[in-house]
Amino acid sequence: MVKKKSRSTKKAVRKASTKRVAPKRRAAPKKRVVKRKAAPKRKAPAKRKSSKRATTIRIAAPKVRTRLSPYSLAYSLGIIKALSVLAMSVLGKGQDLLSSMLFSYSTTVQGVIVGMIEAAIWGLVAGFALGWLYNKFN
């Protein structure tokens, strides 16, 4: 008589037959370890006596020529001069100085406005001249 295989053994046989076995990997050859001799220890440099002179650090920076825009300098100086005339007129200080420097300045509202315009024109001229000269000689 032949014994029948039970269901559990059939499943185990199926599972065992479907398993894939990865091939064995060969171990990498061991690297040779070479022991090196330790470098001789250096003596620490003798400490110097602290000098009272400050040390300077030089930074190697490329030489760049800076340029000013004469127009932007002219506009900014013109605005600053006009606002300074307005501030001095409102505060009431330096009116004698303003009337001696600006030909059309007076203490009236119209005189202050005309003085601001004149100061702005002088600021424009001076700013443009300064910017042009700076770029010329730099």
Protein backbone atom coordinates (compact mmCIF):
# COMPACT_ATOMS: atom_id res chain seq x y z
CA MET A 1 0.00 0.00 0.00
CA VAL A 2 1.18 3.44 -0.86
CA LYS A 3 0.57 6.16 1.59
CA LYS A 4 -0.93 9.33 0.30
CA LYS A 5 0.90 12.50 0.99
CA SER A 6 -0.92 14.91 3.15
CA ARG A 7 -1.78 18.40 1.96
CA SER A 8 0.65 20.09 4.30
CA THR A 9 3.57 18.14 2.93
CA LYS A 10 2.54 18.96 -0.65
CA LYS A 11 2.53 22.68 0.19
CA ALA A 12 5.91 22.40 1.84
CA VAL A 13 7.30 20.64 -1.21
CA ARG A 14 5.89 23.33 -3.50
CA LYS A 15 7.27 26.13 -1.37
CA ALA A 16 10.65 24.51 -1.19
CA SER A 17 10.77 24.04 -4.94
CA THR A 18 9.80 27.66 -5.70
CA LYS A 19 12.42 29.20 -3.44
CA ARG A 20 15.36 30.63 -5.27
CA VAL A 21 18.70 30.41 -3.67
CA ALA A 22 21.09 33.27 -4.27
CA PRO A 23 24.51 32.18 -5.43
CA LYS A 24 27.20 32.41 -2.81
CA ARG A 25 29.42 35.43 -3.06
CA ARG A 26 33.11 35.10 -2.83
CA ALA A 27 34.72 37.02 -0.05
CA ALA A 28 36.86 39.95 -1.14
CA PRO A 29 40.55 39.37 -0.66
CA LYS A 30 41.90 40.95 2.50
CA LYS A 31 43.95 44.09 2.05
CA ARG A 32 47.43 44.17 3.36
CA VAL A 33 47.81 46.52 6.26
CA VAL A 34 51.14 48.26 6.33
CA LYS A 35 52.15 49.74 9.62
CA ARG A 36 54.02 52.97 9.30
CA LYS A 37 56.44 54.36 11.74
CA ALA A 38 55.25 57.38 13.63
CA ALA A 39 56.78 60.66 12.52
CA PRO A 40 59.22 62.15 14.99
CA LYS A 41 57.64 64.77 17.18
CA ARG A 42 58.69 68.31 16.49
CA LYS A 43 59.61 70.65 19.21
CA ALA A 44 57.23 73.53 19.77
CA PRO A 45 58.74 76.85 18.73
CA ALA A 46 59.90 79.01 21.57
CA LYS A 47 57.42 81.71 22.48
CA ARG A 48 58.52 85.16 21.53
CA LYS A 49 58.30 88.05 23.84
CA SER A 50 55.23 90.06 23.03
CA SER A 51 56.10 93.15 21.12
CA LYS A 52 54.11 96.31 21.56
CA ARG A 53 53.88 96.87 17.82
CA ALA A 54 50.62 95.93 16.21
CA THR A 55 50.86 93.49 13.36
CA THR A 56 49.28 94.40 10.06
CA ILE A 57 47.45 91.98 7.87
CA ARG A 58 47.70 92.50 4.15
CA ILE A 59 44.80 91.35 2.06
CA ALA A 60 45.46 90.75 -1.59
CA ALA A 61 42.57 92.56 -3.23
CA PRO A 62 42.34 93.43 -6.88
CA LYS A 63 42.83 97.08 -7.68
CA VAL A 64 39.49 98.41 -8.81
CA ARG A 65 38.96 101.90 -10.06
CA THR A 66 35.76 103.28 -8.68
CA ARG A 67 33.82 105.73 -10.77
CA LEU A 68 31.15 108.19 -9.76
CA SER A 69 28.19 109.07 -11.88
CA PRO A 70 28.38 112.85 -12.29
CA TYR A 71 24.66 113.09 -13.05
CA SER A 72 23.51 111.26 -9.92
CA LEU A 73 25.94 113.27 -7.79
CA ALA A 74 24.63 116.48 -9.36
CA TYR A 75 20.98 115.60 -8.67
CA SER A 76 21.65 114.57 -5.10
CA LEU A 77 23.65 117.70 -4.31
CA GLY A 78 21.00 119.90 -5.91
CA ILE A 79 18.24 118.34 -3.80
CA ILE A 80 20.29 118.55 -0.61
CA LYS A 81 21.12 122.23 -1.16
CA ALA A 82 17.49 123.12 -1.88
CA LEU A 83 16.25 121.29 1.21
CA SER A 84 18.92 122.90 3.37
CA VAL A 85 17.82 126.39 2.21
CA LEU A 86 14.22 125.47 3.10
CA ALA A 87 15.24 124.13 6.53
CA MET A 88 17.35 127.20 7.33
CA SER A 89 14.49 129.48 6.27
CA VAL A 90 11.92 127.64 8.40
CA LEU A 91 14.19 127.55 11.45
CA GLY A 92 15.10 131.21 10.99
CA LYS A 93 18.83 130.68 11.35
CA GLY A 94 21.50 131.77 8.90
CA GLN A 95 19.27 134.06 6.85
CA ASP A 96 22.00 136.65 6.59
CA LEU A 97 24.37 133.99 5.26
CA LEU A 98 21.78 132.77 2.74
CA SER A 99 21.03 136.30 1.50
CA SER A 100 24.75 136.93 0.99
CA MET A 101 25.32 133.63 -0.89
CA LEU A 102 22.15 133.52 -3.01
CA PHE A 103 21.29 136.58 -5.09
CA SER A 104 17.52 136.10 -5.21
CA TYR A 105 16.91 134.90 -1.64
CA SER A 106 14.70 136.89 0.72
CA THR A 107 12.71 136.05 3.86
CA THR A 108 9.34 136.02 2.06
CA VAL A 109 7.68 132.79 0.83
CA GLN A 110 8.39 133.70 -2.80
CA GLY A 111 12.00 134.58 -1.93
CA VAL A 112 12.48 131.20 -0.20
CA ILE A 113 11.11 129.30 -3.23
CA VAL A 114 13.30 131.25 -5.65
CA GLY A 115 16.28 130.78 -3.31
CA MET A 116 15.64 127.02 -3.25
CA ILE A 117 15.62 126.92 -7.06
CA GLU A 118 18.84 128.91 -7.22
CA ALA A 119 20.50 126.66 -4.61
CA ALA A 120 19.39 123.56 -6.55
CA ILE A 121 20.97 124.95 -9.75
CA TRP A 122 24.24 125.69 -7.94
CA GLY A 123 24.14 122.19 -6.42
CA LEU A 124 23.63 120.64 -9.85
CA VAL A 125 26.61 122.50 -11.28
CA ALA A 126 28.86 121.77 -8.31
CA GLY A 127 27.87 118.09 -8.16
CA PHE A 128 28.49 117.52 -11.85
CA ALA A 129 31.86 119.29 -11.67
CA LEU A 130 32.95 117.28 -8.62
CA GLY A 131 31.90 113.98 -10.21
CA TRP A 132 33.65 114.77 -13.47
CA LEU A 133 36.88 115.84 -11.71
CA TYR A 134 36.86 112.76 -9.48
CA ASN A 135 36.56 110.44 -12.48
CA LYS A 136 39.17 112.41 -14.40
CA PHE A 137 41.90 112.18 -11.76
CA ASN A 138 41.09 108.81 -10.22
